[in-house]
Structures are given as C-alpha cells and as structure tokens.
Amino acid sequence: MLDVTSNRTDDHTVVSVRGEIDAATCDELASALTAATRSETGLEIDVSGVTFIDSSGLRTLVLAQQHLGDARKLVVRGPDATFKRLLGITGLDEVFLIVD
C-alpha cells in the first residue's frame, strides 16, 4: 500500500510518500510527480515514510528528474539507511540532492 500527498508552496512542491514503492504502486507515485514537475517550482519528495523501494520505484524517481531537466534537481528528503545505500550503489546519490 502507498500513500502519496502533495503540498505546493510558492517556491517548491513537496510530495510525501508512505509505504512501499514497487511495480504495483509506482504508477500512483509517477502521477503525483508528473503533476508536480509541470510547475516551475522546485520538487522535493519526502521518503521518510517509505518502507521499501525496488527498481521500478527508482526508475520513477529518475523519470521525475528527467522531467525537471538540468536546471532543477529533485530533492530526496529523509531516506533511511537502506534507501541511501541503494541510491549510492546505483549512483543516484549523484543525480538527486539527498537531504536527511
């Protein structure tokens, strides 16, 4: 199960995620991230409530970064140690801005 909420401020949109991001739930996350990347604001995804992420979830984050383009970086906030390790192993810690 996945719970995704979005909150927009003047300068960025925060997409908060709780639960498991996998092949069964990544479409829901992708929809929220796609909607958020349409604005000219920055984009932050709060993953502090994520309990699991697989390769389809990582792909969803990469696609969101691609939609943002080179001018803006996806901020990944609150990843746990396992999530951080996965980002490091895949090299995505160089693609996203990771914030504890």
C-alpha atoms as a PDB file:
ATOM      1  CA  MET A   1       0.000   0.000   0.000  1.00  0.00           C
ATOM      2  CA  LEU A   2       1.185   3.511  -0.807  1.00  0.00           C
ATOM      3  CA  ASP A   3       0.029   6.885   0.452  1.00  0.00           C
ATOM      4  CA  VAL A   4       1.062   9.913  -1.624  1.00  0.00           C
ATOM      5  CA  THR A   5       0.237  13.525  -0.811  1.00  0.00           C
ATOM      6  CA  SER A   6       1.367  16.768  -2.434  1.00  0.00           C
ATOM      7  CA  ASN A   7       1.668  20.256  -0.979  1.00  0.00           C
ATOM      8  CA  ARG A   8       2.663  23.281  -3.032  1.00  0.00           C
ATOM      9  CA  THR A   9       4.282  26.427  -1.676  1.00  0.00           C
ATOM     10  CA  ASP A  10       5.455  29.495  -3.580  1.00  0.00           C
ATOM     11  CA  ASP A  11       8.886  28.056  -4.342  1.00  0.00           C
ATOM     12  CA  HIS A  12       8.518  24.259  -4.320  1.00  0.00           C
ATOM     13  CA  THR A  13       6.212  21.274  -4.223  1.00  0.00           C
ATOM     14  CA  VAL A  14       6.613  18.559  -1.589  1.00  0.00           C
ATOM     15  CA  VAL A  15       5.402  15.073  -2.452  1.00  0.00           C
ATOM     16  CA  SER A  16       5.250  12.954   0.705  1.00  0.00           C
ATOM     17  CA  VAL A  17       5.282   9.194   0.355  1.00  0.00           C
ATOM     18  CA  ARG A  18       4.474   6.498   2.905  1.00  0.00           C
ATOM     19  CA  GLY A  19       4.595   2.750   2.314  1.00  0.00           C
ATOM     20  CA  GLU A  20       6.132   0.559  -0.368  1.00  0.00           C
ATOM     21  CA  ILE A  21       7.204   1.845  -3.778  1.00  0.00           C
ATOM     22  CA  ASP A  22       7.237  -1.087  -6.175  1.00  0.00           C
ATOM     23  CA  ALA A  23       5.839  -2.188  -9.534  1.00  0.00           C
ATOM     24  CA  ALA A  24       2.329  -2.316  -8.091  1.00  0.00           C
ATOM     25  CA  THR A  25       2.400   1.235  -6.660  1.00  0.00           C
ATOM     26  CA  CYS A  26       4.860   3.256  -8.741  1.00  0.00           C
ATOM     27  CA  ASP A  27       2.175   4.471 -11.174  1.00  0.00           C
ATOM     28  CA  GLU A  28       0.467   6.325  -8.332  1.00  0.00           C
ATOM     29  CA  LEU A  29       3.756   7.979  -7.378  1.00  0.00           C
ATOM     30  CA  ALA A  30       4.560   8.730 -11.018  1.00  0.00           C
ATOM     31  CA  SER A  31       1.239  10.546 -11.426  1.00  0.00           C
ATOM     32  CA  ALA A  32       1.923  12.771  -8.420  1.00  0.00           C
ATOM     33  CA  LEU A  33       5.492  13.507  -9.518  1.00  0.00           C
ATOM     34  CA  THR A  34       4.471  14.240 -13.110  1.00  0.00           C
ATOM     35  CA  ALA A  35       1.858  16.713 -11.925  1.00  0.00           C
ATOM     36  CA  ALA A  36       4.429  18.354  -9.651  1.00  0.00           C
ATOM     37  CA  THR A  37       7.082  18.646 -12.392  1.00  0.00           C
ATOM     38  CA  ARG A  38       4.661  20.603 -14.588  1.00  0.00           C
ATOM     39  CA  SER A  39       5.031  23.624 -12.319  1.00  0.00           C
ATOM     40  CA  GLU A  40       8.021  25.934 -12.398  1.00  0.00           C
ATOM     41  CA  THR A  41       8.731  25.334  -8.726  1.00  0.00           C
ATOM     42  CA  GLY A  42      11.326  23.041  -7.200  1.00  0.00           C
ATOM     43  CA  LEU A  43      10.363  19.493  -6.349  1.00  0.00           C
ATOM     44  CA  GLU A  44      11.016  17.659  -3.109  1.00  0.00           C
ATOM     45  CA  ILE A  45       9.997  14.096  -2.337  1.00  0.00           C
ATOM     46  CA  ASP A  46       9.793  13.184   1.337  1.00  0.00           C
ATOM     47  CA  VAL A  47      10.586   9.485   1.567  1.00  0.00           C
ATOM     48  CA  SER A  48      10.919   9.308   5.347  1.00  0.00           C
ATOM     49  CA  GLY A  49       7.804   7.098   5.417  1.00  0.00           C
ATOM     50  CA  VAL A  50       8.969   4.717   2.680  1.00  0.00           C
ATOM     51  CA  THR A  51       9.435   1.157   3.940  1.00  0.00           C
ATOM     52  CA  PHE A  52      10.569  -0.419   0.639  1.00  0.00           C
ATOM     53  CA  ILE A  53      11.607   0.658  -2.843  1.00  0.00           C
ATOM     54  CA  ASP A  54      12.509  -1.510  -5.828  1.00  0.00           C
ATOM     55  CA  SER A  55      13.964  -0.753  -9.255  1.00  0.00           C
ATOM     56  CA  SER A  56      10.618   0.394 -10.653  1.00  0.00           C
ATOM     57  CA  GLY A  57      10.419   2.944  -7.847  1.00  0.00           C
ATOM     58  CA  LEU A  58      13.933   4.171  -8.591  1.00  0.00           C
ATOM     59  CA  ARG A  59      13.011   4.456 -12.267  1.00  0.00           C
ATOM     60  CA  THR A  60      10.039   6.621 -11.287  1.00  0.00           C
ATOM     61  CA  LEU A  61      12.364   8.995  -9.423  1.00  0.00           C
ATOM     62  CA  VAL A  62      14.786   9.114 -12.378  1.00  0.00           C
ATOM     63  CA  LEU A  63      11.939   9.963 -14.753  1.00  0.00           C
ATOM     64  CA  ALA A  64      10.839  12.776 -12.434  1.00  0.00           C
ATOM     65  CA  GLN A  65      14.380  14.173 -12.516  1.00  0.00           C
ATOM     66  CA  GLN A  66      14.386  13.964 -16.309  1.00  0.00           C
ATOM     67  CA  HIS A  67      11.116  15.919 -16.414  1.00  0.00           C
ATOM     68  CA  LEU A  68      12.672  18.593 -14.194  1.00  0.00           C
ATOM     69  CA  GLY A  69      15.562  18.984 -16.622  1.00  0.00           C
ATOM     70  CA  ASP A  70      19.071  20.192 -15.909  1.00  0.00           C
ATOM     71  CA  ALA A  71      18.031  23.451 -14.266  1.00  0.00           C
ATOM     72  CA  ARG A  72      16.302  21.829 -11.263  1.00  0.00           C
ATOM     73  CA  LYS A  73      17.303  18.895  -9.074  1.00  0.00           C
ATOM     74  CA  LEU A  74      14.917  16.502  -7.406  1.00  0.00           C
ATOM     75  CA  VAL A  75      15.363  16.759  -3.628  1.00  0.00           C
ATOM     76  CA  VAL A  76      15.020  13.403  -1.866  1.00  0.00           C
ATOM     77  CA  ARG A  77      14.358  14.097   1.813  1.00  0.00           C
ATOM     78  CA  GLY A  78      14.559  11.661   4.710  1.00  0.00           C
ATOM     79  CA  PRO A  79      15.753   8.407   3.168  1.00  0.00           C
ATOM     80  CA  ASP A  80      16.598   5.711   5.712  1.00  0.00           C
ATOM     81  CA  ALA A  81      19.992   3.965   5.694  1.00  0.00           C
ATOM     82  CA  THR A  82      18.845   1.202   3.323  1.00  0.00           C
ATOM     83  CA  PHE A  83      17.367   3.703   0.857  1.00  0.00           C
ATOM     84  CA  LYS A  84      20.564   5.809   0.992  1.00  0.00           C
ATOM     85  CA  ARG A  85      22.692   2.719   0.393  1.00  0.00           C
ATOM     86  CA  LEU A  86      20.587   1.813  -2.640  1.00  0.00           C
ATOM     87  CA  LEU A  87      20.980   5.337  -4.033  1.00  0.00           C
ATOM     88  CA  GLY A  88      24.737   5.075  -3.508  1.00  0.00           C
ATOM     89  CA  ILE A  89      25.058   1.647  -5.129  1.00  0.00           C
ATOM     90  CA  THR A  90      23.131   2.803  -8.198  1.00  0.00           C
ATOM     91  CA  GLY A  91      24.953   6.142  -8.429  1.00  0.00           C
ATOM     92  CA  LEU A  92      21.696   8.041  -7.994  1.00  0.00           C
ATOM     93  CA  ASP A  93      23.130   9.844  -4.983  1.00  0.00           C
ATOM     94  CA  GLU A  94      24.940  11.941  -7.623  1.00  0.00           C
ATOM     95  CA  VAL A  95      21.737  12.587  -9.574  1.00  0.00           C
ATOM     96  CA  PHE A  96      19.437  13.714  -6.762  1.00  0.00           C
ATOM     97  CA  LEU A  97      20.004  16.140  -3.918  1.00  0.00           C
ATOM     98  CA  ILE A  98      19.791  13.936  -0.790  1.00  0.00           C
ATOM     99  CA  VAL A  99      18.737  15.692   2.431  1.00  0.00           C
ATOM    100  CA  ASP A 100      18.499  13.965   5.805  1.00  0.00           C
END
